[in-house]
């Protein structure tokens, strides 16, 4: 019969940790999609002498790319900060 130590970790994965990883990776994916979308839509190479319609279309693509990148960066950074804060509080309460 094995006696379990209080400090031993169990073999099961933590649901909280899995959720944090999923949200962090989703943020990274959003950021990469926004970056690739910006490059693929021609934002990286501006048009030479664009018409007003082309300028408006390019502005729309820039905004979509920026929103995707900002959402991804905020999601990843937010999850990282929440997870880090939870670990810091857990360590402070442990001692």
PDB file of N, CA and C in Angstrom:
ATOM      1  N   UNK A   1       0.839  -1.165   0.000  1.00  0.00           N
ATOM      2  CA  UNK A   1       0.000   0.000   0.000  1.00  0.00           C
ATOM      3  C   UNK A   1       0.898   1.246   0.000  1.00  0.00           C
ATOM      4  N   UNK A   2       0.624   2.140  -0.922  1.00  0.00           N
ATOM      5  CA  UNK A   2       1.451   3.340  -1.064  1.00  0.00           C
ATOM      6  C   UNK A   2       0.838   4.487  -0.276  1.00  0.00           C
ATOM      7  N   UNK A   3       1.670   5.194   0.456  1.00  0.00           N
ATOM      8  CA  UNK A   3       1.219   6.373   1.197  1.00  0.00           C
ATOM      9  C   UNK A   3       1.498   7.588   0.333  1.00  0.00           C
ATOM     10  N   UNK A   4       0.457   8.379   0.071  1.00  0.00           N
ATOM     11  CA  UNK A   4       0.596   9.552  -0.793  1.00  0.00           C
ATOM     12  C   UNK A   4       1.132  10.734   0.002  1.00  0.00           C
ATOM     13  N   UNK A   5       2.108  11.355  -0.563  1.00  0.00           N
ATOM     14  CA  UNK A   5       2.675  12.562   0.020  1.00  0.00           C
ATOM     15  C   UNK A   5       1.834  13.767  -0.429  1.00  0.00           C
ATOM     16  N   UNK A   6       1.671  14.736   0.431  1.00  0.00           N
ATOM     17  CA  UNK A   6       0.860  15.909   0.114  1.00  0.00           C
ATOM     18  C   UNK A   6       1.482  16.713  -1.026  1.00  0.00           C
ATOM     19  N   UNK A   7       2.795  16.714  -1.129  1.00  0.00           N
ATOM     20  CA  UNK A   7       3.475  17.537  -2.117  1.00  0.00           C
ATOM     21  C   UNK A   7       3.641  16.847  -3.474  1.00  0.00           C
ATOM     22  N   UNK A   8       3.230  15.588  -3.597  1.00  0.00           N
ATOM     23  CA  UNK A   8       3.320  14.901  -4.873  1.00  0.00           C
ATOM     24  C   UNK A   8       2.253  15.414  -5.812  1.00  0.00           C
ATOM     25  N   UNK A   9       2.642  15.559  -7.074  1.00  0.00           N
ATOM     26  CA  UNK A   9       1.673  15.991  -8.085  1.00  0.00           C
ATOM     27  C   UNK A   9       0.932  14.764  -8.592  1.00  0.00           C
ATOM     28  N   UNK A  10      -0.333  14.961  -8.896  1.00  0.00           N
ATOM     29  CA  UNK A  10      -1.102  13.849  -9.428  1.00  0.00           C
ATOM     30  C   UNK A  10      -0.787  13.677 -10.909  1.00  0.00           C
ATOM     31  N   UNK A  11      -1.145  12.559 -11.465  1.00  0.00           N
ATOM     32  CA  UNK A  11      -0.876  12.261 -12.864  1.00  0.00           C
ATOM     33  C   UNK A  11      -1.861  12.916 -13.815  1.00  0.00           C
ATOM     34  N   UNK A  12      -2.922  13.484 -13.308  1.00  0.00           N
ATOM     35  CA  UNK A  12      -3.916  14.097 -14.187  1.00  0.00           C
ATOM     36  C   UNK A  12      -3.520  15.529 -14.517  1.00  0.00           C
ATOM     37  N   UNK A  13      -3.930  15.961 -15.693  1.00  0.00           N
ATOM     38  CA  UNK A  13      -3.643  17.328 -16.123  1.00  0.00           C
ATOM     39  C   UNK A  13      -4.608  18.298 -15.462  1.00  0.00           C
ATOM     40  N   UNK A  14      -4.141  19.486 -15.245  1.00  0.00           N
ATOM     41  CA  UNK A  14      -4.970  20.515 -14.654  1.00  0.00           C
ATOM     42  C   UNK A  14      -5.832  21.150 -15.737  1.00  0.00           C
ATOM     43  N   UNK A  15      -7.117  21.266 -15.470  1.00  0.00           N
ATOM     44  CA  UNK A  15      -8.028  21.897 -16.417  1.00  0.00           C
ATOM     45  C   UNK A  15      -7.688  23.370 -16.577  1.00  0.00           C
ATOM     46  N   UNK A  16      -7.322  24.036 -15.491  1.00  0.00           N
ATOM     47  CA  UNK A  16      -6.961  25.450 -15.545  1.00  0.00           C
ATOM     48  C   UNK A  16      -5.741  25.658 -16.436  1.00  0.00           C
ATOM     49  N   UNK A  17      -4.735  24.806 -16.287  1.00  0.00           N
ATOM     50  CA  UNK A  17      -3.522  24.929 -17.096  1.00  0.00           C
ATOM     51  C   UNK A  17      -3.819  24.657 -18.566  1.00  0.00           C
ATOM     52  N   UNK A  18      -4.669  23.685 -18.846  1.00  0.00           N
ATOM     53  CA  UNK A  18      -5.050  23.401 -20.229  1.00  0.00           C
ATOM     54  C   UNK A  18      -5.793  24.579 -20.842  1.00  0.00           C
ATOM     55  N   UNK A  19      -6.685  25.193 -20.071  1.00  0.00           N
ATOM     56  CA  UNK A  19      -7.415  26.365 -20.558  1.00  0.00           C
ATOM     57  C   UNK A  19      -6.459  27.514 -20.857  1.00  0.00           C
ATOM     58  N   UNK A  20      -5.496  27.745 -19.980  1.00  0.00           N
ATOM     59  CA  UNK A  20      -4.516  28.819 -20.185  1.00  0.00           C
ATOM     60  C   UNK A  20      -3.688  28.581 -21.444  1.00  0.00           C
ATOM     61  N   UNK A  21      -3.241  27.351 -21.635  1.00  0.00           N
ATOM     62  CA  UNK A  21      -2.464  27.046 -22.835  1.00  0.00           C
ATOM     63  C   UNK A  21      -3.296  27.242 -24.087  1.00  0.00           C
ATOM     64  N   UNK A  22      -4.548  26.807 -24.056  1.00  0.00           N
ATOM     65  CA  UNK A  22      -5.417  26.949 -25.229  1.00  0.00           C
ATOM     66  C   UNK A  22      -5.660  28.423 -25.552  1.00  0.00           C
ATOM     67  N   UNK A  23      -5.929  29.233 -24.540  1.00  0.00           N
ATOM     68  CA  UNK A  23      -6.167  30.657 -24.770  1.00  0.00           C
ATOM     69  C   UNK A  23      -4.895  31.358 -25.239  1.00  0.00           C
ATOM     70  N   UNK A  24      -3.753  31.002 -24.664  1.00  0.00           N
ATOM     71  CA  UNK A  24      -2.483  31.596 -25.081  1.00  0.00           C
ATOM     72  C   UNK A  24      -2.180  31.260 -26.538  1.00  0.00           C
ATOM     73  N   UNK A  25      -2.348  29.998 -26.895  1.00  0.00           N
ATOM     74  CA  UNK A  25      -2.083  29.587 -28.279  1.00  0.00           C
ATOM     75  C   UNK A  25      -3.087  30.200 -29.250  1.00  0.00           C
ATOM     76  N   UNK A  26      -4.326  30.385 -28.814  1.00  0.00           N
ATOM     77  CA  UNK A  26      -5.313  31.066 -29.662  1.00  0.00           C
ATOM     78  C   UNK A  26      -4.880  32.505 -29.925  1.00  0.00           C
ATOM     79  N   UNK A  27      -4.354  33.170 -28.913  1.00  0.00           N
ATOM     80  CA  UNK A  27      -3.853  34.522 -29.091  1.00  0.00           C
ATOM     81  C   UNK A  27      -2.681  34.573 -30.054  1.00  0.00           C
ATOM     82  N   UNK A  28      -1.776  33.619 -29.945  1.00  0.00           N
ATOM     83  CA  UNK A  28      -0.637  33.559 -30.865  1.00  0.00           C
ATOM     84  C   UNK A  28      -1.123  33.327 -32.293  1.00  0.00           C
ATOM     85  N   UNK A  29      -2.106  32.459 -32.448  1.00  0.00           N
ATOM     86  CA  UNK A  29      -2.653  32.176 -33.778  1.00  0.00           C
ATOM     87  C   UNK A  29      -3.329  33.413 -34.349  1.00  0.00           C
ATOM     88  N   UNK A  30      -4.108  34.141 -33.548  1.00  0.00           N
ATOM     89  CA  UNK A  30      -4.724  35.382 -34.018  1.00  0.00           C
ATOM     90  C   UNK A  30      -3.660  36.376 -34.469  1.00  0.00           C
ATOM     91  N   UNK A  31      -2.589  36.506 -33.689  1.00  0.00           N
ATOM     92  CA  UNK A  31      -1.523  37.437 -34.031  1.00  0.00           C
ATOM     93  C   UNK A  31      -0.881  37.062 -35.364  1.00  0.00           C
ATOM     94  N   UNK A  32      -0.581  35.777 -35.540  1.00  0.00           N
ATOM     95  CA  UNK A  32       0.053  35.325 -36.779  1.00  0.00           C
ATOM     96  C   UNK A  32      -0.884  35.493 -37.963  1.00  0.00           C
ATOM     97  N   UNK A  33      -2.169  35.195 -37.785  1.00  0.00           N
ATOM     98  CA  UNK A  33      -3.136  35.375 -38.868  1.00  0.00           C
ATOM     99  C   UNK A  33      -3.216  36.843 -39.266  1.00  0.00           C
ATOM    100  N   UNK A  34      -3.242  37.742 -38.291  1.00  0.00           N
ATOM    101  CA  UNK A  34      -3.276  39.170 -38.596  1.00  0.00           C
ATOM    102  C   UNK A  34      -2.035  39.624 -39.336  1.00  0.00           C
ATOM    103  N   UNK A  35      -0.882  39.120 -38.935  1.00  0.00           N
ATOM    104  CA  UNK A  35       0.365  39.477 -39.597  1.00  0.00           C
ATOM    105  C   UNK A  35       0.389  38.962 -41.033  1.00  0.00           C
ATOM    106  N   UNK A  36       0.026  37.715 -41.227  1.00  0.00           N
ATOM    107  CA  UNK A  36       0.011  37.127 -42.564  1.00  0.00           C
ATOM    108  C   UNK A  36      -1.052  37.812 -43.428  1.00  0.00           C
ATOM    109  N   UNK A  37      -2.210  38.090 -42.861  1.00  0.00           N
ATOM    110  CA  UNK A  37      -3.274  38.768 -43.611  1.00  0.00           C
ATOM    111  C   UNK A  37      -2.811  40.147 -44.074  1.00  0.00           C
ATOM    112  N   UNK A  38      -2.094  40.861 -43.209  1.00  0.00           N
ATOM    113  CA  UNK A  38      -1.587  42.174 -43.588  1.00  0.00           C
ATOM    114  C   UNK A  38      -0.592  42.100 -44.727  1.00  0.00           C
ATOM    115  N   UNK A  39       0.274  41.111 -44.698  1.00  0.00           N
ATOM    116  CA  UNK A  39       1.265  40.960 -45.765  1.00  0.00           C
ATOM    117  C   UNK A  39       0.599  40.468 -47.051  1.00  0.00           C
ATOM    118  N   UNK A  40      -0.291  39.504 -46.930  1.00  0.00           N
ATOM    119  CA  UNK A  40      -0.928  38.933 -48.121  1.00  0.00           C
ATOM    120  C   UNK A  40      -1.893  39.901 -48.801  1.00  0.00           C
ATOM    121  N   UNK A  41      -2.488  40.809 -48.051  1.00  0.00           N
ATOM    122  CA  UNK A  41      -3.443  41.732 -48.658  1.00  0.00           C
ATOM    123  C   UNK A  41      -2.758  42.942 -49.293  1.00  0.00           C
ATOM    124  N   UNK A  42      -1.447  42.962 -49.298  1.00  0.00           N
ATOM    125  CA  UNK A  42      -0.735  44.026 -49.972  1.00  0.00           C
ATOM    126  C   UNK A  42      -0.424  45.213 -49.098  1.00  0.00           C
ATOM    127  N   UNK A  43      -0.596  45.061 -47.804  1.00  0.00           N
ATOM    128  CA  UNK A  43      -0.312  46.179 -46.905  1.00  0.00           C
ATOM    129  C   UNK A  43       1.190  46.437 -46.856  1.00  0.00           C
ATOM    130  N   UNK A  44       1.973  45.384 -46.967  1.00  0.00           N
ATOM    131  CA  UNK A  44       3.419  45.534 -46.868  1.00  0.00           C
ATOM    132  C   UNK A  44       3.985  46.299 -48.068  1.00  0.00           C
ATOM    133  N   UNK A  45       3.369  46.144 -49.236  1.00  0.00           N
ATOM    134  CA  UNK A  45       3.810  46.849 -50.437  1.00  0.00           C
ATOM    135  C   UNK A  45       2.666  47.756 -50.879  1.00  0.00           C
ATOM    136  N   UNK A  46       2.733  49.043 -50.572  1.00  0.00           N
ATOM    137  CA  UNK A  46       1.627  49.932 -50.929  1.00  0.00           C
ATOM    138  C   UNK A  46       1.523  50.130 -52.441  1.00  0.00           C
ATOM    139  N   UNK A  47       0.323  50.419 -52.886  1.00  0.00           N
ATOM    140  CA  UNK A  47       0.068  50.656 -54.304  1.00  0.00           C
ATOM    141  C   UNK A  47       0.713  51.967 -54.740  1.00  0.00           C
ATOM    142  N   UNK A  48       1.137  52.026 -55.991  1.00  0.00           N
ATOM    143  CA  UNK A  48       1.690  53.252 -56.540  1.00  0.00           C
ATOM    144  C   UNK A  48       0.547  54.073 -57.135  1.00  0.00           C
ATOM    145  N   UNK A  49       0.367  55.288 -56.641  1.00  0.00           N
ATOM    146  CA  UNK A  49      -0.669  56.210 -57.098  1.00  0.00           C
ATOM    147  C   UNK A  49      -2.065  55.568 -57.050  1.00  0.00           C
ATOM    148  N   UNK A  50      -2.518  55.205 -55.846  1.00  0.00           N
ATOM    149  CA  UNK A  50      -3.818  54.525 -55.734  1.00  0.00           C
ATOM    150  C   UNK A  50      -4.987  55.504 -55.909  1.00  0.00           C
ATOM    151  N   UNK A  51      -6.108  54.966 -56.368  1.00  0.00           N
ATOM    152  CA  UNK A  51      -7.341  55.743 -56.460  1.00  0.00           C
ATOM    153  C   UNK A  51      -7.947  55.840 -55.065  1.00  0.00           C
ATOM    154  N   UNK A  52      -8.918  56.734 -54.854  1.00  0.00           N
ATOM    155  CA  UNK A  52      -9.555  56.816 -53.531  1.00  0.00           C
ATOM    156  C   UNK A  52     -10.212  55.504 -53.099  1.00  0.00           C
ATOM    157  N   UNK A  53     -10.772  54.757 -54.038  1.00  0.00           N
ATOM    158  CA  UNK A  53     -11.394  53.474 -53.696  1.00  0.00           C
ATOM    159  C   UNK A  53     -10.333  52.468 -53.257  1.00  0.00           C
ATOM    160  N   UNK A  54      -9.204  52.461 -53.949  1.00  0.00           N
ATOM    161  CA  UNK A  54      -8.126  51.556 -53.568  1.00  0.00           C
ATOM    162  C   UNK A  54      -7.539  51.951 -52.219  1.00  0.00           C
ATOM    163  N   UNK A  55      -7.454  53.252 -51.954  1.00  0.00           N
ATOM    164  CA  UNK A  55      -6.962  53.732 -50.659  1.00  0.00           C
ATOM    165  C   UNK A  55      -7.885  53.280 -49.528  1.00  0.00           C
ATOM    166  N   UNK A  56      -9.199  53.404 -49.766  1.00  0.00           N
ATOM    167  CA  UNK A  56     -10.168  52.982 -48.746  1.00  0.00           C
ATOM    168  C   UNK A  56     -10.108  51.472 -48.523  1.00  0.00           C
ATOM    169  N   UNK A  57      -9.951  50.712 -49.607  1.00  0.00           N
ATOM    170  CA  UNK A  57      -9.851  49.261 -49.509  1.00  0.00           C
ATOM    171  C   UNK A  57      -8.592  48.858 -48.745  1.00  0.00           C
ATOM    172  N   UNK A  58      -7.484  49.535 -49.022  1.00  0.00           N
ATOM    173  CA  UNK A  58      -6.233  49.254 -48.320  1.00  0.00           C
ATOM    174  C   UNK A  58      -6.345  49.622 -46.844  1.00  0.00           C
ATOM    175  N   UNK A  59      -7.014  50.726 -46.547  1.00  0.00           N
ATOM    176  CA  UNK A  59      -7.207  51.143 -45.151  1.00  0.00           C
ATOM    177  C   UNK A  59      -8.027  50.102 -44.391  1.00  0.00           C
ATOM    178  N   UNK A  60      -9.056  49.559 -45.046  1.00  0.00           N
ATOM    179  CA  UNK A  60      -9.870  48.513 -44.432  1.00  0.00           C
ATOM    180  C   UNK A  60      -9.011  47.296 -44.085  1.00  0.00           C
ATOM    181  N   UNK A  61      -8.149  46.859 -45.024  1.00  0.00           N
ATOM    182  CA  UNK A  61      -7.304  45.699 -44.781  1.00  0.00           C
ATOM    183  C   UNK A  61      -6.293  45.966 -43.671  1.00  0.00           C
ATOM    184  N   UNK A  62      -5.782  47.187 -43.601  1.00  0.00           N
ATOM    185  CA  UNK A  62      -4.854  47.539 -42.530  1.00  0.00           C
ATOM    186  C   UNK A  62      -5.563  47.444 -41.182  1.00  0.00           C
ATOM    187  N   UNK A  63      -6.793  47.941 -41.123  1.00  0.00           N
ATOM    188  CA  UNK A  63      -7.540  47.887 -39.863  1.00  0.00           C
ATOM    189  C   UNK A  63      -7.847  46.455 -39.446  1.00  0.00           C
ATOM    190  N   UNK A  64      -8.240  45.617 -40.385  1.00  0.00           N
ATOM    191  CA  UNK A  64      -8.521  44.212 -40.065  1.00  0.00           C
ATOM    192  C   UNK A  64      -7.252  43.536 -39.543  1.00  0.00           C
ATOM    193  N   UNK A  65      -6.146  43.777 -40.231  1.00  0.00           N
ATOM    194  CA  UNK A  65      -4.878  43.186 -39.807  1.00  0.00           C
ATOM    195  C   UNK A  65      -4.485  43.669 -38.413  1.00  0.00           C
ATOM    196  N   UNK A  66      -4.625  44.966 -38.170  1.00  0.00           N
ATOM    197  CA  UNK A  66      -4.264  45.505 -36.861  1.00  0.00           C
ATOM    198  C   UNK A  66      -5.169  44.976 -35.759  1.00  0.00           C
ATOM    199  N   UNK A  67      -6.449  44.847 -36.019  1.00  0.00           N
ATOM    200  CA  UNK A  67      -7.374  44.322 -35.007  1.00  0.00           C
ATOM    201  C   UNK A  67      -7.047  42.873 -34.666  1.00  0.00           C
ATOM    202  N   UNK A  68      -6.761  42.076 -35.686  1.00  0.00           N
ATOM    203  CA  UNK A  68      -6.405  40.674 -35.418  1.00  0.00           C
ATOM    204  C   UNK A  68      -5.120  40.572 -34.605  1.00  0.00           C
ATOM    205  N   UNK A  69      -4.128  41.360 -34.980  1.00  0.00           N
ATOM    206  CA  UNK A  69      -2.862  41.321 -34.252  1.00  0.00           C
ATOM    207  C   UNK A  69      -3.031  41.834 -32.821  1.00  0.00           C
ATOM    208  N   UNK A  70      -3.811  42.898 -32.641  1.00  0.00           N
ATOM    209  CA  UNK A  70      -4.009  43.442 -31.295  1.00  0.00           C
ATOM    210  C   UNK A  70      -4.795  42.467 -30.420  1.00  0.00           C
ATOM    211  N   UNK A  71      -5.821  41.851 -30.986  1.00  0.00           N
ATOM    212  CA  UNK A  71      -6.599  40.872 -30.221  1.00  0.00           C
ATOM    213  C   UNK A  71      -5.721  39.691 -29.807  1.00  0.00           C
ATOM    214  N   UNK A  72      -4.901  39.215 -30.724  1.00  0.00           N
ATOM    215  CA  UNK A  72      -4.010  38.109 -30.409  1.00  0.00           C
ATOM    216  C   UNK A  72      -2.983  38.469 -29.347  1.00  0.00           C
ATOM    217  N   UNK A  73      -2.396  39.658 -29.471  1.00  0.00           N
ATOM    218  CA  UNK A  73      -1.396  40.083 -28.496  1.00  0.00           C
ATOM    219  C   UNK A  73      -2.021  40.285 -27.119  1.00  0.00           C
ATOM    220  N   UNK A  74      -3.193  40.905 -27.071  1.00  0.00           N
ATOM    221  CA  UNK A  74      -3.864  41.129 -25.779  1.00  0.00           C
ATOM    222  C   UNK A  74      -4.281  39.814 -25.133  1.00  0.00           C
ATOM    223  N   UNK A  75      -4.796  38.897 -25.928  1.00  0.00           N
ATOM    224  CA  UNK A  75      -5.218  37.602 -25.386  1.00  0.00           C
ATOM    225  C   UNK A  75      -4.023  36.834 -24.826  1.00  0.00           C
ATOM    226  N   UNK A  76      -2.942  36.770 -25.582  1.00  0.00           N
ATOM    227  CA  UNK A  76      -1.760  36.046 -25.115  1.00  0.00           C
ATOM    228  C   UNK A  76      -1.149  36.702 -23.879  1.00  0.00           C
ATOM    229  N   UNK A  77      -0.992  38.020 -23.916  1.00  0.00           N
ATOM    230  CA  UNK A  77      -0.394  38.726 -22.779  1.00  0.00           C
ATOM    231  C   UNK A  77      -1.300  38.649 -21.551  1.00  0.00           C
ATOM    232  N   UNK A  78      -2.605  38.766 -21.752  1.00  0.00           N
ATOM    233  CA  UNK A  78      -3.546  38.688 -20.637  1.00  0.00           C
ATOM    234  C   UNK A  78      -3.517  37.328 -19.958  1.00  0.00           C
ATOM    235  N   UNK A  79      -3.535  36.279 -20.752  1.00  0.00           N
ATOM    236  CA  UNK A  79      -3.492  34.927 -20.185  1.00  0.00           C
ATOM    237  C   UNK A  79      -2.168  34.703 -19.463  1.00  0.00           C
ATOM    238  N   UNK A  80      -1.072  35.182 -20.048  1.00  0.00           N
ATOM    239  CA  UNK A  80       0.229  35.030 -19.406  1.00  0.00           C
ATOM    240  C   UNK A  80       0.248  35.742 -18.056  1.00  0.00           C
ATOM    241  N   UNK A  81      -0.273  36.975 -18.018  1.00  0.00           N
ATOM    242  CA  UNK A  81      -0.281  37.737 -16.762  1.00  0.00           C
ATOM    243  C   UNK A  81      -1.186  37.099 -15.709  1.00  0.00           C
ATOM    244  N   UNK A  82      -2.348  36.617 -16.115  1.00  0.00           N
ATOM    245  CA  UNK A  82      -3.255  35.967 -15.167  1.00  0.00           C
ATOM    246  C   UNK A  82      -2.628  34.688 -14.619  1.00  0.00           C
ATOM    247  N   UNK A  83      -2.031  33.897 -15.492  1.00  0.00           N
ATOM    248  CA  UNK A  83      -1.401  32.652 -15.052  1.00  0.00           C
ATOM    249  C   UNK A  83      -0.219  32.944 -14.137  1.00  0.00           C
ATOM    250  N   UNK A  84       0.597  33.932 -14.509  1.00  0.00           N
ATOM    251  CA  UNK A  84       1.740  34.295 -13.674  1.00  0.00           C
ATOM    252  C   UNK A  84       1.281  34.840 -12.320  1.00  0.00           C
ATOM    253  N   UNK A  85       0.246  35.670 -12.320  1.00  0.00           N
ATOM    254  CA  UNK A  85      -0.288  36.197 -11.072  1.00  0.00           C
ATOM    255  C   UNK A  85      -0.837  35.104 -10.179  1.00  0.00           C
ATOM    256  N   UNK A  86      -1.514  34.142 -10.781  1.00  0.00           N
ATOM    257  CA  UNK A  86      -2.048  33.019 -10.001  1.00  0.00           C
ATOM    258  C   UNK A  86      -0.917  32.216  -9.372  1.00  0.00           C
ATOM    259  N   UNK A  87       0.149  31.987 -10.114  1.00  0.00           N
ATOM    260  CA  UNK A  87       1.284  31.243  -9.573  1.00  0.00           C
ATOM    261  C   UNK A  87       1.983  32.027  -8.465  1.00  0.00           C
ATOM    262  N   UNK A  88       2.123  33.336  -8.621  1.00  0.00           N
ATOM    263  CA  UNK A  88       2.761  34.160  -7.588  1.00  0.00           C
ATOM    264  C   UNK A  88       1.929  34.131  -6.311  1.00  0.00           C
ATOM    265  N   UNK A  89       0.629  34.299  -6.447  1.00  0.00           N
ATOM    266  CA  UNK A  89      -0.254  34.277  -5.265  1.00  0.00           C
ATOM    267  C   UNK A  89      -0.213  32.905  -4.606  1.00  0.00           C
ATOM    268  N   UNK A  90      -0.182  31.851  -5.408  1.00  0.00           N
ATOM    269  CA  UNK A  90      -0.129  30.494  -4.841  1.00  0.00           C
ATOM    270  C   UNK A  90       1.164  30.284  -4.068  1.00  0.00           C
ATOM    271  N   UNK A  91       2.284  30.803  -4.598  1.00  0.00           N
ATOM    272  CA  UNK A  91       3.557  30.671  -3.893  1.00  0.00           C
ATOM    273  C   UNK A  91       3.590  31.500  -2.611  1.00  0.00           C
ATOM    274  N   UNK A  92       2.981  32.684  -2.645  1.00  0.00           N
ATOM    275  CA  UNK A  92       2.948  33.523  -1.438  1.00  0.00           C
ATOM    276  C   UNK A  92       2.083  32.909  -0.343  1.00  0.00           C
ATOM    277  N   UNK A  93       0.977  32.303  -0.740  1.00  0.00           N
ATOM    278  CA  UNK A  93       0.087  31.704   0.244  1.00  0.00           C
ATOM    279  C   UNK A  93       0.634  30.378   0.771  1.00  0.00           C
ATOM    280  N   UNK A  94       1.518  29.757   0.022  1.00  0.00           N
ATOM    281  CA  UNK A  94       2.076  28.482   0.434  1.00  0.00           C
ATOM    282  C   UNK A  94       3.028  28.673   1.620  1.00  0.00           C
ATOM    283  N   UNK A  95       3.778  29.770   1.626  1.00  0.00           N
ATOM    284  CA  UNK A  95       4.774  29.958   2.687  1.00  0.00           C
ATOM    285  C   UNK A  95       4.217  30.541   3.954  1.00  0.00           C
TER     286      UNK A  95
END
